[in-house]
Structure formats: structure tokens, C-alpha cells
Amino acid sequence: MSLPLKKSEVICFYDLQYRWAKRSTDRFTEVRIELNETPEGQQIIAQCPRIFRPDMVETIIEEGRAMGWKPEETGAPIHTRLTKRGLSKIDV
């Protein structure tokens, strides 16, 4: 399912456009990211600290790609957690 256009933002990172959206929960901020050109592609869902900064999106994209996230291809979303030590996969 692609992200809504009204409640999401676009970031250009290494000449690719990504669309991202965040929502706050009681325990963390959830960030969903997908490739803007292929919204049907694989998403990455990251649990971030409650105090979220937009520059964290670049960290999620870069480390997510390194751990195997392929937003150009369809597939189940990858669930991750962003901490001071970096991005790590989690089981949901």
C-alpha cells in the first residue's frame, strides 16, 4: 500500500526520490519509507525515538539499503528499529 500524498514528504537522496511519512505512538515514532517512482515497491518501516528529526530518514534509507531493503521490487515490508547504535531488523 502506497503512502498518502497529503501526509507524506519527499526527500531526494543519492539522486533518487523517496516518499516518507511518520506517525507517533505511545512508545515511539513510526516512519514508513518507499521509493517515490515505484510506490508499489517494498517499504521499510522504522521504529524511531519519540524525538524524531527529519535527518534520521537519510540514515534509515542508507542503512536499510545496506541490510537488503530493495524498494524497486515488490515484497513484504522490512521492519526495523533505529537506535543510537544504528538500524537493526526486528521481528513483528
PDB file of N, CA and C in Angstrom:
ATOM      1  N   MET A   1       0.840  -1.171   0.000  1.00  0.00           N
ATOM      2  CA  MET A   1       0.000   0.000   0.000  1.00  0.00           C
ATOM      3  C   MET A   1       0.887   1.236   0.000  1.00  0.00           C
ATOM      4  N   SER A   2       0.653   2.144  -0.914  1.00  0.00           N
ATOM      5  CA  SER A   2       1.496   3.325  -1.014  1.00  0.00           C
ATOM      6  C   SER A   2       1.100   4.372   0.024  1.00  0.00           C
ATOM      7  N   LEU A   3       2.028   5.271   0.293  1.00  0.00           N
ATOM      8  CA  LEU A   3       1.818   6.315   1.285  1.00  0.00           C
ATOM      9  C   LEU A   3       0.903   7.402   0.723  1.00  0.00           C
ATOM     10  N   PRO A   4       0.085   8.012   1.581  1.00  0.00           N
ATOM     11  CA  PRO A   4      -0.794   9.089   1.098  1.00  0.00           C
ATOM     12  C   PRO A   4       0.029  10.321   0.710  1.00  0.00           C
ATOM     13  N   LEU A   5      -0.372  10.999  -0.352  1.00  0.00           N
ATOM     14  CA  LEU A   5       0.362  12.159  -0.828  1.00  0.00           C
ATOM     15  C   LEU A   5       0.255  13.352   0.121  1.00  0.00           C
ATOM     16  N   LYS A   6      -0.881  13.514   0.768  1.00  0.00           N
ATOM     17  CA  LYS A   6      -1.097  14.684   1.619  1.00  0.00           C
ATOM     18  C   LYS A   6      -0.302  14.639   2.922  1.00  0.00           C
ATOM     19  N   LYS A   7      -0.137  13.494   3.506  1.00  0.00           N
ATOM     20  CA  LYS A   7       0.510  13.406   4.818  1.00  0.00           C
ATOM     21  C   LYS A   7       1.923  12.852   4.737  1.00  0.00           C
ATOM     22  N   SER A   8       2.550  12.962   3.579  1.00  0.00           N
ATOM     23  CA  SER A   8       3.907  12.452   3.430  1.00  0.00           C
ATOM     24  C   SER A   8       4.795  13.524   2.812  1.00  0.00           C
ATOM     25  N   GLU A   9       6.096  13.284   2.881  1.00  0.00           N
ATOM     26  CA  GLU A   9       7.070  14.212   2.331  1.00  0.00           C
ATOM     27  C   GLU A   9       7.998  13.475   1.386  1.00  0.00           C
ATOM     28  N   VAL A  10       8.640  14.229   0.506  1.00  0.00           N
ATOM     29  CA  VAL A  10       9.578  13.653  -0.453  1.00  0.00           C
ATOM     30  C   VAL A  10      10.982  14.128  -0.097  1.00  0.00           C
ATOM     31  N   ILE A  11      11.935  13.199  -0.164  1.00  0.00           N
ATOM     32  CA  ILE A  11      13.333  13.528   0.071  1.00  0.00           C
ATOM     33  C   ILE A  11      14.139  12.976  -1.108  1.00  0.00           C
ATOM     34  N   CYS A  12      15.106  13.735  -1.555  1.00  0.00           N
ATOM     35  CA  CYS A  12      15.997  13.284  -2.615  1.00  0.00           C
ATOM     36  C   CYS A  12      17.296  12.829  -1.951  1.00  0.00           C
ATOM     37  N   PHE A  13      17.657  11.576  -2.154  1.00  0.00           N
ATOM     38  CA  PHE A  13      18.839  11.006  -1.519  1.00  0.00           C
ATOM     39  C   PHE A  13      19.591  10.207  -2.572  1.00  0.00           C
ATOM     40  N   TYR A  14      20.822  10.597  -2.869  1.00  0.00           N
ATOM     41  CA  TYR A  14      21.629   9.977  -3.921  1.00  0.00           C
ATOM     42  C   TYR A  14      20.866   9.900  -5.244  1.00  0.00           C
ATOM     43  N   ASP A  15      20.288  11.008  -5.653  1.00  0.00           N
ATOM     44  CA  ASP A  15      19.590  11.174  -6.926  1.00  0.00           C
ATOM     45  C   ASP A  15      18.329  10.317  -7.066  1.00  0.00           C
ATOM     46  N   LEU A  16      17.809   9.789  -6.001  1.00  0.00           N
ATOM     47  CA  LEU A  16      16.544   9.059  -6.017  1.00  0.00           C
ATOM     48  C   LEU A  16      15.575   9.763  -5.076  1.00  0.00           C
ATOM     49  N   GLN A  17      14.303   9.799  -5.468  1.00  0.00           N
ATOM     50  CA  GLN A  17      13.293  10.407  -4.619  1.00  0.00           C
ATOM     51  C   GLN A  17      12.566   9.339  -3.815  1.00  0.00           C
ATOM     52  N   TYR A  18      12.504   9.576  -2.520  1.00  0.00           N
ATOM     53  CA  TYR A  18      11.805   8.686  -1.605  1.00  0.00           C
ATOM     54  C   TYR A  18      10.653   9.459  -0.976  1.00  0.00           C
ATOM     55  N   ARG A  19       9.547   8.779  -0.734  1.00  0.00           N
ATOM     56  CA  ARG A  19       8.417   9.370  -0.024  1.00  0.00           C
ATOM     57  C   ARG A  19       8.387   8.760   1.370  1.00  0.00           C
ATOM     58  N   TRP A  20       8.208   9.615   2.377  1.00  0.00           N
ATOM     59  CA  TRP A  20       8.182   9.121   3.745  1.00  0.00           C
ATOM     60  C   TRP A  20       7.074   9.790   4.539  1.00  0.00           C
ATOM     61  N   ALA A  21       6.600   9.068   5.541  1.00  0.00           N
ATOM     62  CA  ALA A  21       5.561   9.568   6.432  1.00  0.00           C
ATOM     63  C   ALA A  21       5.853   9.062   7.835  1.00  0.00           C
ATOM     64  N   LYS A  22       5.479   9.843   8.817  1.00  0.00           N
ATOM     65  CA  LYS A  22       5.688   9.435  10.207  1.00  0.00           C
ATOM     66  C   LYS A  22       4.383   9.523  10.976  1.00  0.00           C
ATOM     67  N   ARG A  23       4.319   8.733  12.029  1.00  0.00           N
ATOM     68  CA  ARG A  23       3.185   8.820  12.952  1.00  0.00           C
ATOM     69  C   ARG A  23       3.705   8.483  14.343  1.00  0.00           C
ATOM     70  N   SER A  24       3.174   9.185  15.309  1.00  0.00           N
ATOM     71  CA  SER A  24       3.610   8.981  16.694  1.00  0.00           C
ATOM     72  C   SER A  24       2.709   7.972  17.387  1.00  0.00           C
ATOM     73  N   THR A  25       3.342   7.133  18.200  1.00  0.00           N
ATOM     74  CA  THR A  25       2.607   6.200  19.050  1.00  0.00           C
ATOM     75  C   THR A  25       2.983   6.521  20.497  1.00  0.00           C
ATOM     76  N   ASP A  26       2.481   5.749  21.432  1.00  0.00           N
ATOM     77  CA  ASP A  26       2.807   5.982  22.840  1.00  0.00           C
ATOM     78  C   ASP A  26       4.278   5.712  23.147  1.00  0.00           C
ATOM     79  N   ARG A  27       4.883   4.797  22.411  1.00  0.00           N
ATOM     80  CA  ARG A  27       6.244   4.370  22.741  1.00  0.00           C
ATOM     81  C   ARG A  27       7.312   4.875  21.790  1.00  0.00           C
ATOM     82  N   PHE A  28       6.973   5.163  20.515  1.00  0.00           N
ATOM     83  CA  PHE A  28       7.981   5.550  19.536  1.00  0.00           C
ATOM     84  C   PHE A  28       7.318   6.295  18.383  1.00  0.00           C
ATOM     85  N   THR A  29       8.123   6.757  17.449  1.00  0.00           N
ATOM     86  CA  THR A  29       7.642   7.342  16.205  1.00  0.00           C
ATOM     87  C   THR A  29       7.882   6.324  15.096  1.00  0.00           C
ATOM     88  N   GLU A  30       6.843   6.012  14.350  1.00  0.00           N
ATOM     89  CA  GLU A  30       6.962   5.056  13.252  1.00  0.00           C
ATOM     90  C   GLU A  30       7.142   5.824  11.952  1.00  0.00           C
ATOM     91  N   VAL A  31       8.171   5.442  11.188  1.00  0.00           N
ATOM     92  CA  VAL A  31       8.453   6.082   9.907  1.00  0.00           C
ATOM     93  C   VAL A  31       8.363   5.023   8.814  1.00  0.00           C
ATOM     94  N   ARG A  32       7.610   5.331   7.760  1.00  0.00           N
ATOM     95  CA  ARG A  32       7.483   4.449   6.596  1.00  0.00           C
ATOM     96  C   ARG A  32       8.111   5.150   5.405  1.00  0.00           C
ATOM     97  N   ILE A  33       8.930   4.413   4.653  1.00  0.00           N
ATOM     98  CA  ILE A  33       9.624   4.992   3.505  1.00  0.00           C
ATOM     99  C   ILE A  33       9.445   4.061   2.306  1.00  0.00           C
ATOM    100  N   GLU A  34       9.231   4.679   1.136  1.00  0.00           N
ATOM    101  CA  GLU A  34       9.136   3.927  -0.110  1.00  0.00           C
ATOM    102  C   GLU A  34       9.771   4.772  -1.211  1.00  0.00           C
ATOM    103  N   LEU A  35      10.080   4.142  -2.302  1.00  0.00           N
ATOM    104  CA  LEU A  35      10.614   4.845  -3.459  1.00  0.00           C
ATOM    105  C   LEU A  35       9.473   5.612  -4.115  1.00  0.00           C
ATOM    106  N   ASN A  36       9.674   6.888  -4.399  1.00  0.00           N
ATOM    107  CA  ASN A  36       8.602   7.727  -4.929  1.00  0.00           C
ATOM    108  C   ASN A  36       8.143   7.280  -6.316  1.00  0.00           C
ATOM    109  N   GLU A  37       9.069   6.823  -7.150  1.00  0.00           N
ATOM    110  CA  GLU A  37       8.711   6.416  -8.512  1.00  0.00           C
ATOM    111  C   GLU A  37       7.977   5.084  -8.559  1.00  0.00           C
ATOM    112  N   THR A  38       8.212   4.218  -7.604  1.00  0.00           N
ATOM    113  CA  THR A  38       7.540   2.912  -7.567  1.00  0.00           C
ATOM    114  C   THR A  38       6.883   2.718  -6.198  1.00  0.00           C
ATOM    115  N   PRO A  39       5.702   3.324  -6.001  1.00  0.00           N
ATOM    116  CA  PRO A  39       5.043   3.205  -4.699  1.00  0.00           C
ATOM    117  C   PRO A  39       4.565   1.789  -4.370  1.00  0.00           C
ATOM    118  N   GLU A  40       4.540   0.902  -5.367  1.00  0.00           N
ATOM    119  CA  GLU A  40       4.138  -0.483  -5.105  1.00  0.00           C
ATOM    120  C   GLU A  40       5.313  -1.320  -4.625  1.00  0.00           C
ATOM    121  N   GLY A  41       6.479  -0.726  -4.538  1.00  0.00           N
ATOM    122  CA  GLY A  41       7.679  -1.452  -4.124  1.00  0.00           C
ATOM    123  C   GLY A  41       7.703  -1.710  -2.628  1.00  0.00           C
ATOM    124  N   GLN A  42       8.751  -2.346  -2.208  1.00  0.00           N
ATOM    125  CA  GLN A  42       8.927  -2.715  -0.810  1.00  0.00           C
ATOM    126  C   GLN A  42       9.114  -1.476   0.066  1.00  0.00           C
ATOM    127  N   GLN A  43       8.430  -1.444   1.191  1.00  0.00           N
ATOM    128  CA  GLN A  43       8.571  -0.360   2.157  1.00  0.00           C
ATOM    129  C   GLN A  43       9.526  -0.778   3.266  1.00  0.00           C
ATOM    130  N   ILE A  44      10.091   0.230   3.924  1.00  0.00           N
ATOM    131  CA  ILE A  44      10.824  -0.012   5.154  1.00  0.00           C
ATOM    132  C   ILE A  44      10.076   0.741   6.247  1.00  0.00           C
ATOM    133  N   ILE A  45       9.837   0.059   7.343  1.00  0.00           N
ATOM    134  CA  ILE A  45       9.120   0.640   8.475  1.00  0.00           C
ATOM    135  C   ILE A  45      10.085   0.665   9.648  1.00  0.00           C
ATOM    136  N   ALA A  46      10.337   1.861  10.161  1.00  0.00           N
ATOM    137  CA  ALA A  46      11.317   2.015  11.235  1.00  0.00           C
ATOM    138  C   ALA A  46      10.664   2.578  12.489  1.00  0.00           C
ATOM    139  N   GLN A  47      10.991   1.955  13.617  1.00  0.00           N
ATOM    140  CA  GLN A  47      10.613   2.498  14.911  1.00  0.00           C
ATOM    141  C   GLN A  47      11.749   3.418  15.341  1.00  0.00           C
ATOM    142  N   CYS A  48      11.435   4.687  15.524  1.00  0.00           N
ATOM    143  CA  CYS A  48      12.439   5.694  15.866  1.00  0.00           C
ATOM    144  C   CYS A  48      12.157   6.241  17.260  1.00  0.00           C
ATOM    145  N   PRO A  49      13.137   6.946  17.846  1.00  0.00           N
ATOM    146  CA  PRO A  49      12.889   7.581  19.140  1.00  0.00           C
ATOM    147  C   PRO A  49      11.726   8.573  19.060  1.00  0.00           C
ATOM    148  N   ARG A  50      11.094   8.835  20.196  1.00  0.00           N
ATOM    149  CA  ARG A  50       9.961   9.767  20.228  1.00  0.00           C
ATOM    150  C   ARG A  50      10.360  11.149  19.719  1.00  0.00           C
ATOM    151  N   ILE A  51      11.590  11.561  20.009  1.00  0.00           N
ATOM    152  CA  ILE A  51      12.078  12.830  19.485  1.00  0.00           C
ATOM    153  C   ILE A  51      12.708  12.535  18.135  1.00  0.00           C
ATOM    154  N   PHE A  52      11.935  12.773  17.089  1.00  0.00           N
ATOM    155  CA  PHE A  52      12.326  12.420  15.731  1.00  0.00           C
ATOM    156  C   PHE A  52      12.838  13.652  15.007  1.00  0.00           C
ATOM    157  N   ARG A  53      13.931  13.472  14.265  1.00  0.00           N
ATOM    158  CA  ARG A  53      14.479  14.532  13.416  1.00  0.00           C
ATOM    159  C   ARG A  53      14.415  14.051  11.966  1.00  0.00           C
ATOM    160  N   PRO A  54      14.058  14.937  11.023  1.00  0.00           N
ATOM    161  CA  PRO A  54      13.963  14.527   9.615  1.00  0.00           C
ATOM    162  C   PRO A  54      15.264  13.976   9.033  1.00  0.00           C
ATOM    163  N   ASP A  55      16.430  14.339   9.582  1.00  0.00           N
ATOM    164  CA  ASP A  55      17.680  13.787   9.049  1.00  0.00           C
ATOM    165  C   ASP A  55      17.823  12.297   9.349  1.00  0.00           C
ATOM    166  N   MET A  56      16.997  11.764  10.235  1.00  0.00           N
ATOM    167  CA  MET A  56      17.015  10.329  10.520  1.00  0.00           C
ATOM    168  C   MET A  56      16.532   9.521   9.311  1.00  0.00           C
ATOM    169  N   VAL A  57      15.746  10.151   8.436  1.00  0.00           N
ATOM    170  CA  VAL A  57      15.236   9.459   7.243  1.00  0.00           C
ATOM    171  C   VAL A  57      16.403   9.022   6.361  1.00  0.00           C
ATOM    172  N   GLU A  58      17.401   9.874   6.204  1.00  0.00           N
ATOM    173  CA  GLU A  58      18.572   9.516   5.390  1.00  0.00           C
ATOM    174  C   GLU A  58      19.316   8.331   5.994  1.00  0.00           C
ATOM    175  N   THR A  59      19.432   8.301   7.302  1.00  0.00           N
ATOM    176  CA  THR A  59      20.085   7.172   7.975  1.00  0.00           C
ATOM    177  C   THR A  59      19.317   5.885   7.730  1.00  0.00           C
ATOM    178  N   ILE A  60      17.997   5.944   7.822  1.00  0.00           N
ATOM    179  CA  ILE A  60      17.167   4.757   7.599  1.00  0.00           C
ATOM    180  C   ILE A  60      17.331   4.266   6.165  1.00  0.00           C
ATOM    181  N   ILE A  61      17.321   5.183   5.200  1.00  0.00           N
ATOM    182  CA  ILE A  61      17.472   4.796   3.792  1.00  0.00           C
ATOM    183  C   ILE A  61      18.827   4.142   3.566  1.00  0.00           C
ATOM    184  N   GLU A  62      19.890   4.794   4.007  1.00  0.00           N
ATOM    185  CA  GLU A  62      21.241   4.289   3.755  1.00  0.00           C
ATOM    186  C   GLU A  62      21.491   2.944   4.434  1.00  0.00           C
ATOM    187  N   GLU A  63      21.156   2.835   5.710  1.00  0.00           N
ATOM    188  CA  GLU A  63      21.395   1.579   6.422  1.00  0.00           C
ATOM    189  C   GLU A  63      20.407   0.496   5.999  1.00  0.00           C
ATOM    190  N   GLY A  64      19.191   0.889   5.622  1.00  0.00           N
ATOM    191  CA  GLY A  64      18.217  -0.081   5.126  1.00  0.00           C
ATOM    192  C   GLY A  64      18.670  -0.718   3.825  1.00  0.00           C
ATOM    193  N   ARG A  65      19.202   0.101   2.928  1.00  0.00           N
ATOM    194  CA  ARG A  65      19.751  -0.430   1.667  1.00  0.00           C
ATOM    195  C   ARG A  65      20.897  -1.395   1.946  1.00  0.00           C
ATOM    196  N   ALA A  66      21.748  -1.063   2.911  1.00  0.00           N
ATOM    197  CA  ALA A  66      22.882  -1.927   3.247  1.00  0.00           C
ATOM    198  C   ALA A  66      22.420  -3.273   3.819  1.00  0.00           C
ATOM    199  N   MET A  67      21.262  -3.294   4.480  1.00  0.00           N
ATOM    200  CA  MET A  67      20.792  -4.559   5.068  1.00  0.00           C
ATOM    201  C   MET A  67      19.847  -5.331   4.154  1.00  0.00           C
ATOM    202  N   GLY A  68      19.663  -4.848   2.909  1.00  0.00           N
ATOM    203  CA  GLY A  68      18.908  -5.644   1.954  1.00  0.00           C
ATOM    204  C   GLY A  68      17.556  -5.100   1.537  1.00  0.00           C
ATOM    205  N   TRP A  69      17.224  -3.906   1.945  1.00  0.00           N
ATOM    206  CA  TRP A  69      15.957  -3.300   1.522  1.00  0.00           C
ATOM    207  C   TRP A  69      16.036  -2.952   0.047  1.00  0.00           C
ATOM    208  N   LYS A  70      15.051  -3.417  -0.729  1.00  0.00           N
ATOM    209  CA  LYS A  70      15.011  -3.177  -2.176  1.00  0.00           C
ATOM    210  C   LYS A  70      13.681  -2.521  -2.529  1.00  0.00           C
ATOM    211  N   PRO A  71      13.615  -1.189  -2.472  1.00  0.00           N
ATOM    212  CA  PRO A  71      12.336  -0.517  -2.721  1.00  0.00           C
ATOM    213  C   PRO A  71      11.878  -0.576  -4.171  1.00  0.00           C
ATOM    214  N   GLU A  72      12.750  -0.987  -5.094  1.00  0.00           N
ATOM    215  CA  GLU A  72      12.356  -1.101  -6.503  1.00  0.00           C
ATOM    216  C   GLU A  72      11.532  -2.354  -6.750  1.00  0.00           C
ATOM    217  N   GLU A  73      11.637  -3.326  -5.861  1.00  0.00           N
ATOM    218  CA  GLU A  73      10.962  -4.609  -6.028  1.00  0.00           C
ATOM    219  C   GLU A  73       9.785  -4.720  -5.072  1.00  0.00           C
ATOM    220  N   THR A  74       8.778  -5.494  -5.472  1.00  0.00           N
ATOM    221  CA  THR A  74       7.652  -5.722  -4.578  1.00  0.00           C
ATOM    222  C   THR A  74       8.057  -6.736  -3.522  1.00  0.00           C
ATOM    223  N   GLY A  75       7.429  -6.650  -2.387  1.00  0.00           N
ATOM    224  CA  GLY A  75       7.728  -7.583  -1.316  1.00  0.00           C
ATOM    225  C   GLY A  75       7.160  -7.081  -0.004  1.00  0.00           C
ATOM    226  N   ALA A  76       7.244  -7.931   0.990  1.00  0.00           N
ATOM    227  CA  ALA A  76       6.766  -7.562   2.317  1.00  0.00           C
ATOM    228  C   ALA A  76       7.651  -6.468   2.908  1.00  0.00           C
ATOM    229  N   PRO A  77       7.075  -5.577   3.697  1.00  0.00           N
ATOM    230  CA  PRO A  77       7.884  -4.512   4.292  1.00  0.00           C
ATOM    231  C   PRO A  77       8.944  -5.067   5.239  1.00  0.00           C
ATOM    232  N   ILE A  78      10.029  -4.334   5.347  1.00  0.00           N
ATOM    233  CA  ILE A  78      11.082  -4.670   6.305  1.00  0.00           C
ATOM    234  C   ILE A  78      10.841  -3.832   7.556  1.00  0.00           C
ATOM    235  N   HIS A  79      10.789  -4.476   8.702  1.00  0.00           N
ATOM    236  CA  HIS A  79      10.571  -3.786   9.976  1.00  0.00           C
ATOM    237  C   HIS A  79      11.919  -3.610  10.676  1.00  0.00           C
ATOM    238  N   THR A  80      12.186  -2.379  11.092  1.00  0.00           N
ATOM    239  CA  THR A  80      13.469  -2.062  11.708  1.00  0.00           C
ATOM    240  C   THR A  80      13.276  -1.171  12.927  1.00  0.00           C
ATOM    241  N   ARG A  81      14.359  -1.007  13.664  1.00  0.00           N
ATOM    242  CA  ARG A  81      14.383  -0.093  14.812  1.00  0.00           C
ATOM    243  C   ARG A  81      15.644   0.741  14.718  1.00  0.00           C
ATOM    244  N   LEU A  82      15.498   2.050  14.842  1.00  0.00           N
ATOM    245  CA  LEU A  82      16.626   2.970  14.803  1.00  0.00           C
ATOM    246  C   LEU A  82      16.986   3.367  16.228  1.00  0.00           C
ATOM    247  N   THR A  83      18.227   3.082  16.614  1.00  0.00           N
ATOM    248  CA  THR A  83      18.729   3.459  17.934  1.00  0.00           C
ATOM    249  C   THR A  83      20.031   4.234  17.755  1.00  0.00           C
ATOM    250  N   LYS A  84      20.658   4.568  18.860  1.00  0.00           N
ATOM    251  CA  LYS A  84      21.949   5.267  18.802  1.00  0.00           C
ATOM    252  C   LYS A  84      23.004   4.435  18.087  1.00  0.00           C
ATOM    253  N   ARG A  85      22.872   3.125  18.146  1.00  0.00           N
ATOM    254  CA  ARG A  85      23.846   2.221  17.521  1.00  0.00           C
ATOM    255  C   ARG A  85      23.577   1.994  16.040  1.00  0.00           C
ATOM    256  N   GLY A  86      22.463   2.496  15.521  1.00  0.00           N
ATOM    257  CA  GLY A  86      22.156   2.319  14.114  1.00  0.00           C
ATOM    258  C   GLY A  86      20.829   1.606  13.909  1.00  0.00           C
ATOM    259  N   LEU A  87      20.646   1.121  12.704  1.00  0.00           N
ATOM    260  CA  LEU A  87      19.409   0.456  12.303  1.00  0.00           C
ATOM    261  C   LEU A  87      19.555  -1.048  12.453  1.00  0.00           C
ATOM    262  N   SER A  88      18.535  -1.694  13.007  1.00  0.00           N
ATOM    263  CA  SER A  88      18.551  -3.142  13.142  1.00  0.00           C
ATOM    264  C   SER A  88      17.187  -3.700  12.775  1.00  0.00           C
ATOM    265  N   LYS A  89      17.184  -4.912  12.196  1.00  0.00           N
ATOM    266  CA  LYS A  89      15.927  -5.571  11.843  1.00  0.00           C
ATOM    267  C   LYS A  89      15.243  -6.077  13.099  1.00  0.00           C
ATOM    268  N   ILE A  90      13.914  -6.064  13.070  1.00  0.00           N
ATOM    269  CA  ILE A  90      13.139  -6.619  14.173  1.00  0.00           C
ATOM    270  C   ILE A  90      12.073  -7.543  13.594  1.00  0.00           C
ATOM    271  N   ASP A  91      11.611  -8.476  14.392  1.00  0.00           N
ATOM    272  CA  ASP A  91      10.527  -9.372  14.005  1.00  0.00           C
ATOM    273  C   ASP A  91       9.219  -8.801  14.543  1.00  0.00           C
ATOM    274  N   VAL A  92       8.209  -8.811  13.704  1.00  0.00           N
ATOM    275  CA  VAL A  92       6.911  -8.281  14.121  1.00  0.00           C
ATOM    276  C   VAL A  92       5.905  -9.396  14.209  1.00  0.00           C
TER     277      VAL A  92
END
